[in-house]
PDB file of N, CA and C in Angstrom:
ATOM      1  N   ALA A   1      -9.688-153.342-112.700  1.00  0.00           N
ATOM      2  CA  ALA A   1     -10.318-152.144-112.166  1.00  0.00           C
ATOM      3  C   ALA A   1     -10.956-151.372-113.309  1.00  0.00           C
ATOM      4  N   ALA A   2     -11.970-150.600-112.949  1.00  0.00           N
ATOM      5  CA  ALA A   2     -12.649-149.753-113.921  1.00  0.00           C
ATOM      6  C   ALA A   2     -13.180-148.522-113.193  1.00  0.00           C
ATOM      7  N   ILE A   3     -13.538-147.512-113.966  1.00  0.00           N
ATOM      8  CA  ILE A   3     -14.174-146.310-113.440  1.00  0.00           C
ATOM      9  C   ILE A   3     -15.597-146.316-113.982  1.00  0.00           C
ATOM     10  N   VAL A   4     -16.581-146.169-113.075  1.00  0.00           N
ATOM     11  CA  VAL A   4     -17.980-146.240-113.493  1.00  0.00           C
ATOM     12  C   VAL A   4     -18.741-144.987-113.071  1.00  0.00           C
ATOM     13  N   ASP A   5     -19.851-144.732-113.781  1.00  0.00           N
ATOM     14  CA  ASP A   5     -20.724-143.622-113.404  1.00  0.00           C
ATOM     15  C   ASP A   5     -21.706-144.090-112.334  1.00  0.00           C
ATOM     16  N   LYS A   6     -22.635-143.222-111.944  1.00  0.00           N
ATOM     17  CA  LYS A   6     -23.557-143.567-110.855  1.00  0.00           C
ATOM     18  C   LYS A   6     -24.519-144.696-111.215  1.00  0.00           C
ATOM     19  N   TYR A   7     -24.590-145.050-112.510  1.00  0.00           N
ATOM     20  CA  TYR A   7     -25.452-146.149-112.942  1.00  0.00           C
ATOM     21  C   TYR A   7     -24.671-147.449-113.130  1.00  0.00           C
ATOM     22  N   GLY A   8     -23.359-147.417-112.847  1.00  0.00           N
ATOM     23  CA  GLY A   8     -22.533-148.607-112.991  1.00  0.00           C
ATOM     24  C   GLY A   8     -21.974-148.822-114.383  1.00  0.00           C
ATOM     25  N   ARG A   9     -22.145-147.843-115.263  1.00  0.00           N
ATOM     26  CA  ARG A   9     -21.614-147.957-116.626  1.00  0.00           C
ATOM     27  C   ARG A   9     -20.135-147.574-116.634  1.00  0.00           C
ATOM     28  N   ILE A  10     -19.329-148.367-117.302  1.00  0.00           N
ATOM     29  CA  ILE A  10     -17.891-148.100-117.383  1.00  0.00           C
ATOM     30  C   ILE A  10     -17.656-146.842-118.214  1.00  0.00           C
ATOM     31  N   LEU A  11     -16.845-145.937-117.652  1.00  0.00           N
ATOM     32  CA  LEU A  11     -16.548-144.661-118.299  1.00  0.00           C
ATOM     33  C   LEU A  11     -15.265-144.751-119.117  1.00  0.00           C
ATOM     34  N   PRO A  12     -15.154-143.923-120.150  1.00  0.00           N
ATOM     35  CA  PRO A  12     -13.902-143.896-120.915  1.00  0.00           C
ATOM     36  C   PRO A  12     -12.777-143.262-120.101  1.00  0.00           C
ATOM     37  N   ARG A  13     -11.560-143.543-120.483  1.00  0.00           N
ATOM     38  CA  ARG A  13     -10.400-142.967-119.789  1.00  0.00           C
ATOM     39  C   ARG A  13     -10.494-141.446-119.817  1.00  0.00           C
ATOM     40  N   GLY A  14     -10.090-140.849-118.690  1.00  0.00           N
ATOM     41  CA  GLY A  14     -10.116-139.392-118.576  1.00  0.00           C
ATOM     42  C   GLY A  14     -11.361-138.841-117.915  1.00  0.00           C
ATOM     43  N   GLU A  15     -12.393-139.673-117.742  1.00  0.00           N
ATOM     44  CA  GLU A  15     -13.623-139.218-117.085  1.00  0.00           C
ATOM     45  C   GLU A  15     -13.631-139.649-115.628  1.00  0.00           C
ATOM     46  N   LYS A  16     -14.160-138.774-114.777  1.00  0.00           N
ATOM     47  CA  LYS A  16     -14.179-139.015-113.335  1.00  0.00           C
ATOM     48  C   LYS A  16     -15.386-139.855-112.945  1.00  0.00           C
ATOM     49  N   GLY A  17     -15.147-140.839-112.077  1.00  0.00           N
ATOM     50  CA  GLY A  17     -16.213-141.690-111.577  1.00  0.00           C
ATOM     51  C   GLY A  17     -15.719-142.512-110.398  1.00  0.00           C
ATOM     52  N   GLU A  18     -16.482-143.537-110.042  1.00  0.00           N
ATOM     53  CA  GLU A  18     -16.123-144.388-108.903  1.00  0.00           C
ATOM     54  C   GLU A  18     -15.268-145.566-109.360  1.00  0.00           C
ATOM     55  N   VAL A  19     -14.277-145.897-108.540  1.00  0.00           N
ATOM     56  CA  VAL A  19     -13.419-147.053-108.825  1.00  0.00           C
ATOM     57  C   VAL A  19     -14.154-148.324-108.405  1.00  0.00           C
ATOM     58  N   VAL A  20     -14.203-149.303-109.313  1.00  0.00           N
ATOM     59  CA  VAL A  20     -14.714-150.633-108.988  1.00  0.00           C
ATOM     60  C   VAL A  20     -13.633-151.643-109.356  1.00  0.00           C
ATOM     61  N   VAL A  21     -13.554-152.713-108.578  1.00  0.00           N
ATOM     62  CA  VAL A  21     -12.547-153.749-108.828  1.00  0.00           C
ATOM     63  C   VAL A  21     -13.197-155.124-108.718  1.00  0.00           C
ATOM     64  N   ARG A  22     -12.595-156.098-109.389  1.00  0.00           N
ATOM     65  CA  ARG A  22     -13.019-157.487-109.226  1.00  0.00           C
ATOM     66  C   ARG A  22     -11.852-158.390-109.567  1.00  0.00           C
ATOM     67  N   GLY A  23     -11.930-159.611-109.073  1.00  0.00           N
ATOM     68  CA  GLY A  23     -10.859-160.570-109.317  1.00  0.00           C
ATOM     69  C   GLY A  23     -10.786-161.564-108.175  1.00  0.00           C
ATOM     70  N   TYR A  24      -9.823-162.472-108.264  1.00  0.00           N
ATOM     71  CA  TYR A  24      -9.688-163.527-107.259  1.00  0.00           C
ATOM     72  C   TYR A  24      -9.364-162.993-105.876  1.00  0.00           C
ATOM     73  N   SER A  25      -8.694-161.855-105.804  1.00  0.00           N
ATOM     74  CA  SER A  25      -8.305-161.317-104.497  1.00  0.00           C
ATOM     75  C   SER A  25      -9.386-160.444-103.863  1.00  0.00           C
ATOM     76  N   VAL A  26     -10.491-160.242-104.553  1.00  0.00           N
ATOM     77  CA  VAL A  26     -11.585-159.424-104.017  1.00  0.00           C
ATOM     78  C   VAL A  26     -12.554-160.325-103.262  1.00  0.00           C
ATOM     79  N   MET A  27     -12.931-159.885-102.079  1.00  0.00           N
ATOM     80  CA  MET A  27     -13.820-160.691-101.231  1.00  0.00           C
ATOM     81  C   MET A  27     -15.149-160.978-101.929  1.00  0.00           C
ATOM     82  N   ARG A  28     -15.788-162.041-101.496  1.00  0.00           N
ATOM     83  CA  ARG A  28     -17.096-162.410-102.044  1.00  0.00           C
ATOM     84  C   ARG A  28     -18.232-161.691-101.329  1.00  0.00           C
ATOM     85  N   GLY A  29     -17.947-161.188-100.134  1.00  0.00           N
ATOM     86  CA  GLY A  29     -18.995-160.498 -99.383  1.00  0.00           C
ATOM     87  C   GLY A  29     -18.579-160.230 -97.956  1.00  0.00           C
ATOM     88  N   TYR A  30     -19.455-159.560 -97.239  1.00  0.00           N
ATOM     89  CA  TYR A  30     -19.228-159.240 -95.829  1.00  0.00           C
ATOM     90  C   TYR A  30     -19.760-160.365 -94.952  1.00  0.00           C
ATOM     91  N   TRP A  31     -19.032-160.717 -93.916  1.00  0.00           N
ATOM     92  CA  TRP A  31     -19.413-161.766 -92.984  1.00  0.00           C
ATOM     93  C   TRP A  31     -20.709-161.380 -92.284  1.00  0.00           C
ATOM     94  N   ASN A  32     -21.713-162.215 -92.394  1.00  0.00           N
ATOM     95  CA  ASN A  32     -23.011-162.024 -91.734  1.00  0.00           C
ATOM     96  C   ASN A  32     -23.677-160.697 -92.072  1.00  0.00           C
ATOM     97  N   SER A  33     -23.452-160.175 -93.266  1.00  0.00           N
ATOM     98  CA  SER A  33     -24.086-158.920 -93.665  1.00  0.00           C
ATOM     99  C   SER A  33     -24.431-158.958 -95.150  1.00  0.00           C
ATOM    100  N   GLU A  34     -25.488-159.691 -95.446  1.00  0.00           N
ATOM    101  CA  GLU A  34     -25.931-159.821 -96.830  1.00  0.00           C
ATOM    102  C   GLU A  34     -26.360-158.471 -97.399  1.00  0.00           C
ATOM    103  N   GLU A  35     -26.956-157.632 -96.554  1.00  0.00           N
ATOM    104  CA  GLU A  35     -27.418-156.313 -97.007  1.00  0.00           C
ATOM    105  C   GLU A  35     -26.245-155.444 -97.466  1.00  0.00           C
ATOM    106  N   GLN A  36     -25.188-155.380 -96.659  1.00  0.00           N
ATOM    107  CA  GLN A  36     -24.020-154.582 -97.032  1.00  0.00           C
ATOM    108  C   GLN A  36     -23.340-155.168 -98.266  1.00  0.00           C
ATOM    109  N   THR A  37     -23.315-156.486 -98.370  1.00  0.00           N
ATOM    110  CA  THR A  37     -22.737-157.134 -99.548  1.00  0.00           C
ATOM    111  C   THR A  37     -23.490-156.705-100.800  1.00  0.00           C
ATOM    112  N   LYS A  38     -24.820-156.707-100.755  1.00  0.00           N
ATOM    113  CA  LYS A  38     -25.624-156.305-101.914  1.00  0.00           C
ATOM    114  C   LYS A  38     -25.414-154.841-102.275  1.00  0.00           C
ATOM    115  N   GLU A  39     -25.139-154.000-101.258  1.00  0.00           N
ATOM    116  CA  GLU A  39     -24.904-152.574-101.503  1.00  0.00           C
ATOM    117  C   GLU A  39     -23.567-152.320-102.189  1.00  0.00           C
ATOM    118  N   GLU A  40     -22.565-153.124-101.890  1.00  0.00           N
ATOM    119  CA  GLU A  40     -21.212-152.806-102.333  1.00  0.00           C
ATOM    120  C   GLU A  40     -20.626-153.751-103.375  1.00  0.00           C
ATOM    121  N   ILE A  41     -21.235-154.912-103.578  1.00  0.00           N
ATOM    122  CA  ILE A  41     -20.721-155.864-104.565  1.00  0.00           C
ATOM    123  C   ILE A  41     -21.854-156.223-105.518  1.00  0.00           C
ATOM    124  N   THR A  42     -21.629-155.987-106.815  1.00  0.00           N
ATOM    125  CA  THR A  42     -22.664-156.256-107.806  1.00  0.00           C
ATOM    126  C   THR A  42     -22.773-157.755-108.069  1.00  0.00           C
ATOM    127  N   GLU A  43     -23.830-158.151-108.758  1.00  0.00           N
ATOM    128  CA  GLU A  43     -24.034-159.565-109.080  1.00  0.00           C
ATOM    129  C   GLU A  43     -22.905-160.126-109.940  1.00  0.00           C
ATOM    130  N   ASP A  44     -22.300-159.271-110.768  1.00  0.00           N
ATOM    131  CA  ASP A  44     -21.181-159.742-111.586  1.00  0.00           C
ATOM    132  C   ASP A  44     -19.830-159.490-110.912  1.00  0.00           C
ATOM    133  N   ARG A  45     -19.869-159.343-109.556  1.00  0.00           N
ATOM    134  CA  ARG A  45     -18.697-159.342-108.679  1.00  0.00           C
ATOM    135  C   ARG A  45     -17.843-158.077-108.710  1.00  0.00           C
ATOM    136  N   TRP A  46     -18.365-156.932-109.164  1.00  0.00           N
ATOM    137  CA  TRP A  46     -17.632-155.670-109.069  1.00  0.00           C
ATOM    138  C   TRP A  46     -17.813-155.117-107.660  1.00  0.00           C
ATOM    139  N   TYR A  47     -16.690-154.825-106.990  1.00  0.00           N
ATOM    140  CA  TYR A  47     -16.709-154.240-105.647  1.00  0.00           C
ATOM    141  C   TYR A  47     -16.568-152.724-105.768  1.00  0.00           C
ATOM    142  N   HIS A  48     -17.521-151.999-105.190  1.00  0.00           N
ATOM    143  CA  HIS A  48     -17.508-150.532-105.214  1.00  0.00           C
ATOM    144  C   HIS A  48     -16.628-150.014-104.076  1.00  0.00           C
ATOM    145  N   THR A  49     -15.515-149.373-104.428  1.00  0.00           N
ATOM    146  CA  THR A  49     -14.556-148.906-103.424  1.00  0.00           C
ATOM    147  C   THR A  49     -14.973-147.596-102.767  1.00  0.00           C
ATOM    148  N   ARG A  50     -15.871-146.858-103.402  1.00  0.00           N
ATOM    149  CA  ARG A  50     -16.301-145.515-102.962  1.00  0.00           C
ATOM    150  C   ARG A  50     -15.215-144.469-103.186  1.00  0.00           C
ATOM    151  N   ASP A  51     -14.127-144.852-103.881  1.00  0.00           N
ATOM    152  CA  ASP A  51     -13.101-143.884-104.264  1.00  0.00           C
ATOM    153  C   ASP A  51     -13.511-143.230-105.578  1.00  0.00           C
ATOM    154  N   ILE A  52     -13.336-141.925-105.673  1.00  0.00           N
ATOM    155  CA  ILE A  52     -13.608-141.195-106.904  1.00  0.00           C
ATOM    156  C   ILE A  52     -12.265-140.974-107.591  1.00  0.00           C
ATOM    157  N   ALA A  53     -12.202-141.308-108.884  1.00  0.00           N
ATOM    158  CA  ALA A  53     -10.917-141.275-109.575  1.00  0.00           C
ATOM    159  C   ALA A  53     -11.099-141.088-111.074  1.00  0.00           C
ATOM    160  N   VAL A  54      -9.955-140.942-111.731  1.00  0.00           N
ATOM    161  CA  VAL A  54      -9.878-140.860-113.187  1.00  0.00           C
ATOM    162  C   VAL A  54      -8.870-141.911-113.635  1.00  0.00           C
ATOM    163  N   MET A  55      -9.211-142.668-114.687  1.00  0.00           N
ATOM    164  CA  MET A  55      -8.227-143.584-115.263  1.00  0.00           C
ATOM    165  C   MET A  55      -7.489-142.818-116.356  1.00  0.00           C
ATOM    166  N   ASN A  56      -6.175-142.747-116.207  1.00  0.00           N
ATOM    167  CA  ASN A  56      -5.344-142.009-117.149  1.00  0.00           C
ATOM    168  C   ASN A  56      -5.153-142.800-118.441  1.00  0.00           C
ATOM    169  N   ASP A  57      -4.631-142.127-119.464  1.00  0.00           N
ATOM    170  CA  ASP A  57      -4.432-142.763-120.769  1.00  0.00           C
ATOM    171  C   ASP A  57      -3.571-144.018-120.702  1.00  0.00           C
ATOM    172  N   ASN A  58      -2.631-144.058-119.745  1.00  0.00           N
ATOM    173  CA  ASN A  58      -1.746-145.223-119.634  1.00  0.00           C
ATOM    174  C   ASN A  58      -2.324-146.326-118.739  1.00  0.00           C
ATOM    175  N   GLY A  59      -3.578-146.152-118.277  1.00  0.00           N
ATOM    176  CA  GLY A  59      -4.233-147.177-117.466  1.00  0.00           C
ATOM    177  C   GLY A  59      -4.054-147.026-115.970  1.00  0.00           C
ATOM    178  N   THR A  60      -3.235-146.054-115.541  1.00  0.00           N
ATOM    179  CA  THR A  60      -3.098-145.809-114.103  1.00  0.00           C
ATOM    180  C   THR A  60      -4.307-145.026-113.609  1.00  0.00           C
ATOM    181  N   ILE A  61      -4.555-145.116-112.316  1.00  0.00           N
ATOM    182  CA  ILE A  61      -5.724-144.464-111.727  1.00  0.00           C
ATOM    183  C   ILE A  61      -5.265-143.375-110.771  1.00  0.00           C
ATOM    184  N   SER A  62      -5.835-142.178-110.921  1.00  0.00           N
ATOM    185  CA  SER A  62      -5.558-141.057-110.019  1.00  0.00           C
ATOM    186  C   SER A  62      -6.785-140.832-109.148  1.00  0.00           C
ATOM    187  N   ILE A  63      -6.630-141.061-107.847  1.00  0.00           N
ATOM    188  CA  ILE A  63      -7.723-140.868-106.891  1.00  0.00           C
ATOM    189  C   ILE A  63      -7.886-139.376-106.641  1.00  0.00           C
ATOM    190  N   VAL A  64      -9.125-138.883-106.713  1.00  0.00           N
ATOM    191  CA  VAL A  64      -9.383-137.463-106.450  1.00  0.00           C
ATOM    192  C   VAL A  64     -10.232-137.247-105.203  1.00  0.00           C
ATOM    193  N   GLY A  65     -10.807-138.309-104.657  1.00  0.00           N
ATOM    194  CA  GLY A  65     -11.618-138.147-103.453  1.00  0.00           C
ATOM    195  C   GLY A  65     -12.394-139.401-103.116  1.00  0.00           C
ATOM    196  N   ARG A  66     -13.293-139.266-102.162  1.00  0.00           N
ATOM    197  CA  ARG A  66     -14.154-140.368-101.726  1.00  0.00           C
ATOM    198  C   ARG A  66     -15.599-139.939-101.921  1.00  0.00           C
ATOM    199  N   SER A  67     -16.444-140.849-102.356  1.00  0.00           N
ATOM    200  CA  SER A  67     -17.846-140.495-102.573  1.00  0.00           C
ATOM    201  C   SER A  67     -18.524-140.088-101.277  1.00  0.00           C
ATOM    202  N   LYS A  68     -18.097-140.680-100.150  1.00  0.00           N
ATOM    203  CA  LYS A  68     -18.696-140.307 -98.866  1.00  0.00           C
ATOM    204  C   LYS A  68     -18.273-138.908 -98.446  1.00  0.00           C
ATOM    205  N   ASP A  69     -17.118-138.435 -98.931  1.00  0.00           N
ATOM    206  CA  ASP A  69     -16.640-137.098 -98.600  1.00  0.00           C
ATOM    207  C   ASP A  69     -17.193-136.041 -99.546  1.00  0.00           C
ATOM    208  N   MET A  70     -17.903-136.460-100.576  1.00  0.00           N
ATOM    209  CA  MET A  70     -18.388-135.549-101.593  1.00  0.00           C
ATOM    210  C   MET A  70     -19.389-134.553-101.014  1.00  0.00           C
ATOM    211  N   ILE A  71     -19.281-133.311-101.480  1.00  0.00           N
ATOM    212  CA  ILE A  71     -20.225-132.262-101.112  1.00  0.00           C
ATOM    213  C   ILE A  71     -21.124-132.042-102.315  1.00  0.00           C
ATOM    214  N   ASN A  72     -22.423-132.093-102.114  1.00  0.00           N
ATOM    215  CA  ASN A  72     -23.364-131.826-103.191  1.00  0.00           C
ATOM    216  C   ASN A  72     -23.889-130.413-102.998  1.00  0.00           C
ATOM    217  N   ARG A  73     -23.560-129.528-103.929  1.00  0.00           N
ATOM    218  CA  ARG A  73     -23.982-128.130-103.849  1.00  0.00           C
ATOM    219  C   ARG A  73     -24.864-127.838-105.055  1.00  0.00           C
ATOM    220  N   GLY A  74     -26.165-127.827-104.836  1.00  0.00           N
ATOM    221  CA  GLY A  74     -27.098-127.531-105.916  1.00  0.00           C
ATOM    222  C   GLY A  74     -26.982-128.483-107.087  1.00  0.00           C
ATOM    223  N   GLY A  75     -26.723-129.753-106.811  1.00  0.00           N
ATOM    224  CA  GLY A  75     -26.596-130.750-107.870  1.00  0.00           C
ATOM    225  C   GLY A  75     -25.183-130.901-108.413  1.00  0.00           C
ATOM    226  N   GLU A  76     -24.272-130.033-107.981  1.00  0.00           N
ATOM    227  CA  GLU A  76     -22.873-130.116-108.413  1.00  0.00           C
ATOM    228  C   GLU A  76     -22.084-130.920-107.390  1.00  0.00           C
ATOM    229  N   ASN A  77     -21.361-131.923-107.840  1.00  0.00           N
ATOM    230  CA  ASN A  77     -20.538-132.742-106.946  1.00  0.00           C
ATOM    231  C   ASN A  77     -19.176-132.094-106.762  1.00  0.00           C
ATOM    232  N   ILE A  78     -18.835-131.783-105.512  1.00  0.00           N
ATOM    233  CA  ILE A  78     -17.563-131.148-105.183  1.00  0.00           C
ATOM    234  C   ILE A  78     -16.781-132.116-104.304  1.00  0.00           C
ATOM    235  N   TYR A  79     -15.555-132.414-104.709  1.00  0.00           N
ATOM    236  CA  TYR A  79     -14.716-133.347-103.966  1.00  0.00           C
ATOM    237  C   TYR A  79     -13.641-132.564-103.211  1.00  0.00           C
ATOM    238  N   PRO A  80     -13.702-132.541-101.871  1.00  0.00           N
ATOM    239  CA  PRO A  80     -12.731-131.779-101.083  1.00  0.00           C
ATOM    240  C   PRO A  80     -11.280-132.088-101.436  1.00  0.00           C
ATOM    241  N   ALA A  81     -10.936-133.344-101.644  1.00  0.00           N
ATOM    242  CA  ALA A  81      -9.545-133.708-101.949  1.00  0.00           C
ATOM    243  C   ALA A  81      -9.071-133.053-103.245  1.00  0.00           C
ATOM    244  N   GLU A  82      -9.964-132.942-104.217  1.00  0.00           N
ATOM    245  CA  GLU A  82      -9.608-132.318-105.490  1.00  0.00           C
ATOM    246  C   GLU A  82      -9.318-130.826-105.290  1.00  0.00           C
ATOM    247  N   LEU A  83     -10.139-130.155-104.493  1.00  0.00           N
ATOM    248  CA  LEU A  83      -9.899-128.740-104.193  1.00  0.00           C
ATOM    249  C   LEU A  83      -8.611-128.556-103.398  1.00  0.00           C
ATOM    250  N   GLU A  84      -8.379-129.440-102.438  1.00  0.00           N
ATOM    251  CA  GLU A  84      -7.157-129.357-101.630  1.00  0.00           C
ATOM    252  C   GLU A  84      -5.911-129.501-102.505  1.00  0.00           C
ATOM    253  N   GLN A  85      -5.941-130.454-103.442  1.00  0.00           N
ATOM    254  CA  GLN A  85      -4.801-130.652-104.342  1.00  0.00           C
ATOM    255  C   GLN A  85      -4.555-129.415-105.193  1.00  0.00           C
ATOM    256  N   PHE A  86      -5.633-128.775-105.631  1.00  0.00           N
ATOM    257  CA  PHE A  86      -5.507-127.548-106.421  1.00  0.00           C
ATOM    258  C   PHE A  86      -4.919-126.418-105.578  1.00  0.00           C
ATOM    259  N   LEU A  87      -5.425-126.244-104.367  1.00  0.00           N
ATOM    260  CA  LEU A  87      -4.978-125.146-103.505  1.00  0.00           C
ATOM    261  C   LEU A  87      -3.500-125.248-103.135  1.00  0.00           C
ATOM    262  N   ILE A  88      -3.020-126.450-102.830  1.00  0.00           N
ATOM    263  CA  ILE A  88      -1.627-126.569-102.375  1.00  0.00           C
ATOM    264  C   ILE A  88      -0.614-126.406-103.509  1.00  0.00           C
ATOM    265  N   ARG A  89      -1.080-126.256-104.723  1.00  0.00           N
ATOM    266  CA  ARG A  89      -0.167-125.941-105.830  1.00  0.00           C
ATOM    267  C   ARG A  89       0.328-124.497-105.754  1.00  0.00           C
ATOM    268  N   HIS A  90      -0.428-123.654-105.056  1.00  0.00           N
ATOM    269  CA  HIS A  90      -0.037-122.249-104.919  1.00  0.00           C
ATOM    270  C   HIS A  90       1.205-122.171-104.032  1.00  0.00           C
ATOM    271  N   PRO A  91       2.213-121.390-104.431  1.00  0.00           N
ATOM    272  CA  PRO A  91       3.464-121.360-103.669  1.00  0.00           C
ATOM    273  C   PRO A  91       3.328-120.834-102.239  1.00  0.00           C
ATOM    274  N   LYS A  92       2.292-120.068-101.952  1.00  0.00           N
ATOM    275  CA  LYS A  92       2.136-119.514-100.602  1.00  0.00           C
ATOM    276  C   LYS A  92       1.221-120.351 -99.713  1.00  0.00           C
ATOM    277  N   ILE A  93       0.710-121.453-100.241  1.00  0.00           N
ATOM    278  CA  ILE A  93      -0.157-122.333 -99.449  1.00  0.00           C
ATOM    279  C   ILE A  93       0.617-123.601 -99.120  1.00  0.00           C
ATOM    280  N   VAL A  94       0.782-123.860 -97.829  1.00  0.00           N
ATOM    281  CA  VAL A  94       1.539-125.025 -97.370  1.00  0.00           C
ATOM    282  C   VAL A  94       0.641-126.245 -97.243  1.00  0.00           C
ATOM    283  N   ASP A  95      -0.568-126.047 -96.742  1.00  0.00           N
ATOM    284  CA  ASP A  95      -1.502-127.150 -96.521  1.00  0.00           C
ATOM    285  C   ASP A  95      -2.915-126.613 -96.681  1.00  0.00           C
ATOM    286  N   ALA A  96      -3.852-127.473 -97.001  1.00  0.00           N
ATOM    287  CA  ALA A  96      -5.241-127.049 -97.178  1.00  0.00           C
ATOM    288  C   ALA A  96      -6.176-128.144 -96.699  1.00  0.00           C
ATOM    289  N   HIS A  97      -7.292-127.733 -96.160  1.00  0.00           N
ATOM    290  CA  HIS A  97      -8.346-128.669 -95.759  1.00  0.00           C
ATOM    291  C   HIS A  97      -9.679-128.055 -96.151  1.00  0.00           C
ATOM    292  N   VAL A  98     -10.447-128.760 -96.948  1.00  0.00           N
ATOM    293  CA  VAL A  98     -11.746-128.279 -97.413  1.00  0.00           C
ATOM    294  C   VAL A  98     -12.826-129.079 -96.719  1.00  0.00           C
ATOM    295  N   ARG A  99     -13.836-128.381 -96.217  1.00  0.00           N
ATOM    296  CA  ARG A  99     -14.963-129.060 -95.580  1.00  0.00           C
ATOM    297  C   ARG A  99     -16.236-128.296 -95.887  1.00  0.00           C
ATOM    298  N   PRO A 100     -17.372-128.961 -95.844  1.00  0.00           N
ATOM    299  CA  PRO A 100     -18.632-128.262 -96.113  1.00  0.00           C
ATOM    300  C   PRO A 100     -19.015-127.362 -94.949  1.00  0.00           C
ATOM    301  N   MET A 101     -19.660-126.274 -95.282  1.00  0.00           N
ATOM    302  CA  MET A 101     -20.211-125.377 -94.266  1.00  0.00           C
ATOM    303  C   MET A 101     -21.693-125.251 -94.574  1.00  0.00           C
ATOM    304  N   GLY A 102     -22.517-125.483 -93.590  1.00  0.00           N
ATOM    305  CA  GLY A 102     -23.953-125.475 -93.816  1.00  0.00           C
ATOM    306  C   GLY A 102     -24.501-124.090 -94.109  1.00  0.00           C
ATOM    307  N   LEU A 103     -25.285-123.999 -95.156  1.00  0.00           N
ATOM    308  CA  LEU A 103     -26.048-122.797 -95.461  1.00  0.00           C
ATOM    309  C   LEU A 103     -27.513-123.151 -95.298  1.00  0.00           C
ATOM    310  N   LEU A 104     -28.311-122.176 -94.943  1.00  0.00           N
ATOM    311  CA  LEU A 104     -29.732-122.454 -94.762  1.00  0.00           C
ATOM    312  C   LEU A 104     -30.391-122.862 -96.063  1.00  0.00           C
ATOM    313  N   ARG A 105     -29.902-122.306 -97.173  1.00  0.00           N
ATOM    314  CA  ARG A 105     -30.463-122.680 -98.470  1.00  0.00           C
ATOM    315  C   ARG A 105     -29.408-122.472 -99.534  1.00  0.00           C
ATOM    316  N   TYR A 106     -29.586-123.147-100.636  1.00  0.00           N
ATOM    317  CA  TYR A 106     -28.665-122.989-101.762  1.00  0.00           C
ATOM    318  C   TYR A 106     -29.080-121.777-102.570  1.00  0.00           C
ATOM    319  N   HIS A 107     -28.124-120.969-102.960  1.00  0.00           N
ATOM    320  CA  HIS A 107     -28.376-119.847-103.857  1.00  0.00           C
ATOM    321  C   HIS A 107     -27.247-119.826-104.877  1.00  0.00           C
ATOM    322  N   PRO A 108     -27.560-119.818-106.188  1.00  0.00           N
ATOM    323  CA  PRO A 108     -26.513-119.917-107.202  1.00  0.00           C
ATOM    324  C   PRO A 108     -25.534-118.743-107.210  1.00  0.00           C
ATOM    325  N   CYS A 109     -25.861-117.641-106.537  1.00  0.00           N
ATOM    326  CA  CYS A 109     -24.954-116.488-106.501  1.00  0.00           C
ATOM    327  C   CYS A 109     -23.897-116.615-105.422  1.00  0.00           C
ATOM    328  N   PHE A 110     -24.082-117.555-104.479  1.00  0.00           N
ATOM    329  CA  PHE A 110     -23.077-117.734-103.432  1.00  0.00           C
ATOM    330  C   PHE A 110     -21.847-118.390-104.045  1.00  0.00           C
ATOM    331  N   PRO A 111     -20.650-117.949-103.634  1.00  0.00           N
ATOM    332  CA  PRO A 111     -19.443-118.594-104.183  1.00  0.00           C
ATOM    333  C   PRO A 111     -19.288-120.002-103.652  1.00  0.00           C
TER     334      PRO A 111
END
């Protein structure tokens, strides 16, 4: 497994990116869907999981969200799962759910 940026470059440990995996147990492709196979499996057999994570110093991976769940706010990538994990650390918060709310336009002064 590795963590890669949006260009497929492997990131150093501690940096957030997408989890990719390859090996004998990883499928070669989708049945009757060459297009989806090309979208998710690279020519050198890396499968894009769409999970956003950080590889820790000891080689373990901490998942922080899903790329499909990502909110793009003015070019900033916001991962709901990461915010939820932060919020539930507060002693008075039992559970949290973060979701996007549509604004007519982006304004940098909005929180």
